[in-house]
Amino acid sequence: MSGEKGGKDLLLKIETSTPGTYATLGGLRAKTMSINAEEIDVTNHESNQLKTLLDGAGIVSFALSGSGIHNGDSSTLNRAEDRCRSQSLTNFQIVDANGRTYQGLFKIVTFERTGEYNGAQTYSISLSSSGDFAVI
């Protein structure tokens, strides 16, 4: 994916039944991606009223929500729906316009499909990370 494809800046891939193999769920047109790093405040009475944070500690989380068009094999949409209903953690890859890939276990928090449009289905999805994720 290049930066020239305006409005298609994130590509979402879901792991197939073969570990390490990913199938494209679709590009996300409307999307929000957030990476949060929880702070640990270690301020005490000797901190001279300045906030002191513990370096390199805390919980990092990754959340993604968006909607897109899927015009490929519907088995990937079915897999996402099944994983949402079973509340199972699933490996995903999120590829941004610069080629950076985020990979890790995510829970599908919400999943929605809408009818077909010119042979393609639209979908909306929200993911929340479970544990660490890699940038590859």
C-alpha atoms as a PDB file:
ATOM      1  CA  MET A   1       0.000   0.000   0.000  1.00  0.00           C
ATOM      2  CA  SER A   2       1.412   3.377  -0.890  1.00  0.00           C
ATOM      3  CA  GLY A   3       0.539   6.771   0.487  1.00  0.00           C
ATOM      4  CA  GLU A   4      -0.950   7.618  -2.910  1.00  0.00           C
ATOM      5  CA  LYS A   5      -4.115   5.640  -2.174  1.00  0.00           C
ATOM      6  CA  GLY A   6      -5.994   8.330  -0.270  1.00  0.00           C
ATOM      7  CA  GLY A   7      -8.578   7.018   2.181  1.00  0.00           C
ATOM      8  CA  LYS A   8      -7.065   3.527   2.208  1.00  0.00           C
ATOM      9  CA  ASP A   9      -4.311   4.053   4.717  1.00  0.00           C
ATOM     10  CA  LEU A  10      -4.820   0.934   6.838  1.00  0.00           C
ATOM     11  CA  LEU A  11      -5.048  -2.654   5.666  1.00  0.00           C
ATOM     12  CA  LEU A  12      -6.424  -5.229   8.104  1.00  0.00           C
ATOM     13  CA  LYS A  13      -5.350  -8.879   7.960  1.00  0.00           C
ATOM     14  CA  ILE A  14      -6.626 -11.773  10.077  1.00  0.00           C
ATOM     15  CA  GLU A  15      -4.717 -14.983  10.793  1.00  0.00           C
ATOM     16  CA  THR A  16      -6.097 -18.000   8.976  1.00  0.00           C
ATOM     17  CA  SER A  17      -6.382 -21.517  10.381  1.00  0.00           C
ATOM     18  CA  THR A  18      -2.728 -21.957   9.337  1.00  0.00           C
ATOM     19  CA  PRO A  19      -0.628 -20.227  12.042  1.00  0.00           C
ATOM     20  CA  GLY A  20       1.509 -17.409  10.649  1.00  0.00           C
ATOM     21  CA  THR A  21      -0.627 -17.048   7.512  1.00  0.00           C
ATOM     22  CA  TYR A  22      -2.823 -13.973   7.178  1.00  0.00           C
ATOM     23  CA  ALA A  23      -5.742 -13.225   4.871  1.00  0.00           C
ATOM     24  CA  THR A  24      -6.792  -9.688   4.019  1.00  0.00           C
ATOM     25  CA  LEU A  25     -10.030  -8.649   5.649  1.00  0.00           C
ATOM     26  CA  GLY A  26      -9.985  -5.359   3.775  1.00  0.00           C
ATOM     27  CA  GLY A  27      -8.789  -1.789   3.704  1.00  0.00           C
ATOM     28  CA  LEU A  28     -10.226   0.578   6.283  1.00  0.00           C
ATOM     29  CA  ARG A  29     -11.747   3.786   4.949  1.00  0.00           C
ATOM     30  CA  ALA A  30     -12.954   5.361   8.176  1.00  0.00           C
ATOM     31  CA  LYS A  31     -10.622   4.467  10.997  1.00  0.00           C
ATOM     32  CA  THR A  32      -9.165   5.312  14.358  1.00  0.00           C
ATOM     33  CA  MET A  33      -5.959   3.734  15.600  1.00  0.00           C
ATOM     34  CA  SER A  34      -4.645   4.505  19.064  1.00  0.00           C
ATOM     35  CA  ILE A  35      -1.635   3.312  21.000  1.00  0.00           C
ATOM     36  CA  ASN A  36      -1.771   4.162  24.678  1.00  0.00           C
ATOM     37  CA  ALA A  37       0.970   3.932  27.284  1.00  0.00           C
ATOM     38  CA  GLU A  38      -0.311   3.984  30.844  1.00  0.00           C
ATOM     39  CA  GLU A  39       1.851   5.999  33.178  1.00  0.00           C
ATOM     40  CA  ILE A  40       2.942   4.942  36.646  1.00  0.00           C
ATOM     41  CA  ASP A  41       3.125   7.926  38.978  1.00  0.00           C
ATOM     42  CA  VAL A  42       5.810   7.476  41.665  1.00  0.00           C
ATOM     43  CA  THR A  43       5.513  10.992  43.075  1.00  0.00           C
ATOM     44  CA  ASN A  44       6.145  11.154  46.828  1.00  0.00           C
ATOM     45  CA  HIS A  45       6.683  13.814  49.477  1.00  0.00           C
ATOM     46  CA  GLU A  46      10.312  14.231  48.365  1.00  0.00           C
ATOM     47  CA  SER A  47       9.370  15.018  44.750  1.00  0.00           C
ATOM     48  CA  ASN A  48       9.198  18.778  45.377  1.00  0.00           C
ATOM     49  CA  GLN A  49       5.586  18.872  44.143  1.00  0.00           C
ATOM     50  CA  LEU A  50       6.703  17.753  40.679  1.00  0.00           C
ATOM     51  CA  LYS A  51       5.088  14.746  39.104  1.00  0.00           C
ATOM     52  CA  THR A  52       7.530  11.843  38.801  1.00  0.00           C
ATOM     53  CA  LEU A  53       6.865   9.006  36.366  1.00  0.00           C
ATOM     54  CA  LEU A  54       8.481   5.593  36.349  1.00  0.00           C
ATOM     55  CA  ASP A  55      10.450   5.232  33.115  1.00  0.00           C
ATOM     56  CA  GLY A  56       9.836   2.184  30.924  1.00  0.00           C
ATOM     57  CA  ALA A  57       6.916   0.858  32.963  1.00  0.00           C
ATOM     58  CA  GLY A  58       3.172   0.712  32.495  1.00  0.00           C
ATOM     59  CA  ILE A  59       0.694  -0.983  30.227  1.00  0.00           C
ATOM     60  CA  VAL A  60       0.771  -0.356  26.501  1.00  0.00           C
ATOM     61  CA  SER A  61      -2.475  -0.973  24.661  1.00  0.00           C
ATOM     62  CA  PHE A  62      -3.497  -0.793  21.028  1.00  0.00           C
ATOM     63  CA  ALA A  63      -7.031  -0.183  19.796  1.00  0.00           C
ATOM     64  CA  LEU A  64      -8.373   0.012  16.278  1.00  0.00           C
ATOM     65  CA  SER A  65     -11.819   0.753  14.961  1.00  0.00           C
ATOM     66  CA  GLY A  66     -12.917   1.341  11.434  1.00  0.00           C
ATOM     67  CA  SER A  67     -15.059   0.379   8.514  1.00  0.00           C
ATOM     68  CA  GLY A  68     -14.209  -0.794   5.068  1.00  0.00           C
ATOM     69  CA  ILE A  69     -15.209  -2.718   1.999  1.00  0.00           C
ATOM     70  CA  HIS A  70     -14.482  -6.395   1.563  1.00  0.00           C
ATOM     71  CA  ASN A  71     -14.779  -7.770  -1.958  1.00  0.00           C
ATOM     72  CA  GLY A  72     -12.832 -11.000  -1.620  1.00  0.00           C
ATOM     73  CA  ASP A  73     -13.640 -14.407  -0.242  1.00  0.00           C
ATOM     74  CA  SER A  74     -16.334 -14.058   2.428  1.00  0.00           C
ATOM     75  CA  SER A  75     -14.598 -16.695   4.576  1.00  0.00           C
ATOM     76  CA  THR A  76     -12.425 -13.974   6.136  1.00  0.00           C
ATOM     77  CA  LEU A  77     -15.506 -11.998   7.171  1.00  0.00           C
ATOM     78  CA  ASN A  78     -17.048 -15.212   8.490  1.00  0.00           C
ATOM     79  CA  ARG A  79     -13.871 -15.901  10.487  1.00  0.00           C
ATOM     80  CA  ALA A  80     -13.950 -12.417  12.031  1.00  0.00           C
ATOM     81  CA  GLU A  81     -17.625 -12.816  12.925  1.00  0.00           C
ATOM     82  CA  ASP A  82     -17.006 -16.254  14.467  1.00  0.00           C
ATOM     83  CA  ARG A  83     -14.051 -14.946  16.509  1.00  0.00           C
ATOM     84  CA  CYS A  84     -16.183 -12.061  17.789  1.00  0.00           C
ATOM     85  CA  ARG A  85     -19.060 -14.350  18.807  1.00  0.00           C
ATOM     86  CA  SER A  86     -16.727 -16.785  20.579  1.00  0.00           C
ATOM     87  CA  GLN A  87     -14.824 -13.916  22.229  1.00  0.00           C
ATOM     88  CA  SER A  88     -11.592 -15.604  21.150  1.00  0.00           C
ATOM     89  CA  LEU A  89      -8.289 -13.796  20.834  1.00  0.00           C
ATOM     90  CA  THR A  90      -7.063 -13.660  17.260  1.00  0.00           C
ATOM     91  CA  ASN A  91      -3.798 -12.638  15.627  1.00  0.00           C
ATOM     92  CA  PHE A  92      -4.154  -9.624  13.361  1.00  0.00           C
ATOM     93  CA  GLN A  93      -1.832  -7.569  11.225  1.00  0.00           C
ATOM     94  CA  ILE A  94      -2.505  -3.887  10.621  1.00  0.00           C
ATOM     95  CA  VAL A  95      -0.465  -2.407   7.765  1.00  0.00           C
ATOM     96  CA  ASP A  96      -0.248   1.377   7.486  1.00  0.00           C
ATOM     97  CA  ALA A  97       0.370   3.473   4.372  1.00  0.00           C
ATOM     98  CA  ASN A  98       4.115   3.599   5.083  1.00  0.00           C
ATOM     99  CA  GLY A  99       4.415  -0.194   5.143  1.00  0.00           C
ATOM    100  CA  ARG A 100       4.719  -0.442   8.933  1.00  0.00           C
ATOM    101  CA  THR A 101       2.986  -3.584  10.192  1.00  0.00           C
ATOM    102  CA  TYR A 102       1.570  -3.978  13.692  1.00  0.00           C
ATOM    103  CA  GLN A 103       1.010  -7.589  14.694  1.00  0.00           C
ATOM    104  CA  GLY A 104      -0.413  -9.183  17.807  1.00  0.00           C
ATOM    105  CA  LEU A 105      -3.322 -10.805  19.594  1.00  0.00           C
ATOM    106  CA  PHE A 106      -6.532  -8.805  19.583  1.00  0.00           C
ATOM    107  CA  LYS A 107     -10.060  -9.289  20.790  1.00  0.00           C
ATOM    108  CA  ILE A 108     -12.766  -8.275  18.351  1.00  0.00           C
ATOM    109  CA  VAL A 109     -14.874  -5.977  20.503  1.00  0.00           C
ATOM    110  CA  THR A 110     -17.493  -5.204  17.856  1.00  0.00           C
ATOM    111  CA  PHE A 111     -18.150  -6.579  14.393  1.00  0.00           C
ATOM    112  CA  GLU A 112     -20.826  -5.488  11.952  1.00  0.00           C
ATOM    113  CA  ARG A 113     -21.597  -6.458   8.364  1.00  0.00           C
ATOM    114  CA  THR A 114     -23.885  -4.730   5.946  1.00  0.00           C
ATOM    115  CA  GLY A 115     -25.406  -5.868   2.682  1.00  0.00           C
ATOM    116  CA  GLU A 116     -23.695  -6.131  -0.625  1.00  0.00           C
ATOM    117  CA  TYR A 117     -22.864  -3.191  -2.813  1.00  0.00           C
ATOM    118  CA  ASN A 118     -21.678  -4.004  -6.337  1.00  0.00           C
ATOM    119  CA  GLY A 119     -20.539  -7.457  -5.209  1.00  0.00           C
ATOM    120  CA  ALA A 120     -18.762  -6.197  -2.089  1.00  0.00           C
ATOM    121  CA  GLN A 121     -19.777  -6.257   1.555  1.00  0.00           C
ATOM    122  CA  THR A 122     -19.042  -3.470   3.981  1.00  0.00           C
ATOM    123  CA  TYR A 123     -17.957  -4.144   7.532  1.00  0.00           C
ATOM    124  CA  SER A 124     -17.162  -2.280  10.735  1.00  0.00           C
ATOM    125  CA  ILE A 125     -14.820  -3.639  13.365  1.00  0.00           C
ATOM    126  CA  SER A 126     -13.260  -2.624  16.673  1.00  0.00           C
ATOM    127  CA  LEU A 127     -10.189  -4.401  18.030  1.00  0.00           C
ATOM    128  CA  SER A 128      -8.462  -4.207  21.394  1.00  0.00           C
ATOM    129  CA  SER A 129      -4.986  -5.632  21.979  1.00  0.00           C
ATOM    130  CA  SER A 130      -4.326  -8.437  24.395  1.00  0.00           C
ATOM    131  CA  GLY A 131      -0.803  -8.126  25.659  1.00  0.00           C
ATOM    132  CA  ASP A 132       2.176  -7.036  23.661  1.00  0.00           C
ATOM    133  CA  PHE A 133       2.164  -6.365  19.934  1.00  0.00           C
ATOM    134  CA  ALA A 134       5.060  -6.159  17.545  1.00  0.00           C
ATOM    135  CA  VAL A 135       5.961  -3.575  14.951  1.00  0.00           C
ATOM    136  CA  ILE A 136       7.494  -5.429  12.015  1.00  0.00           C
END
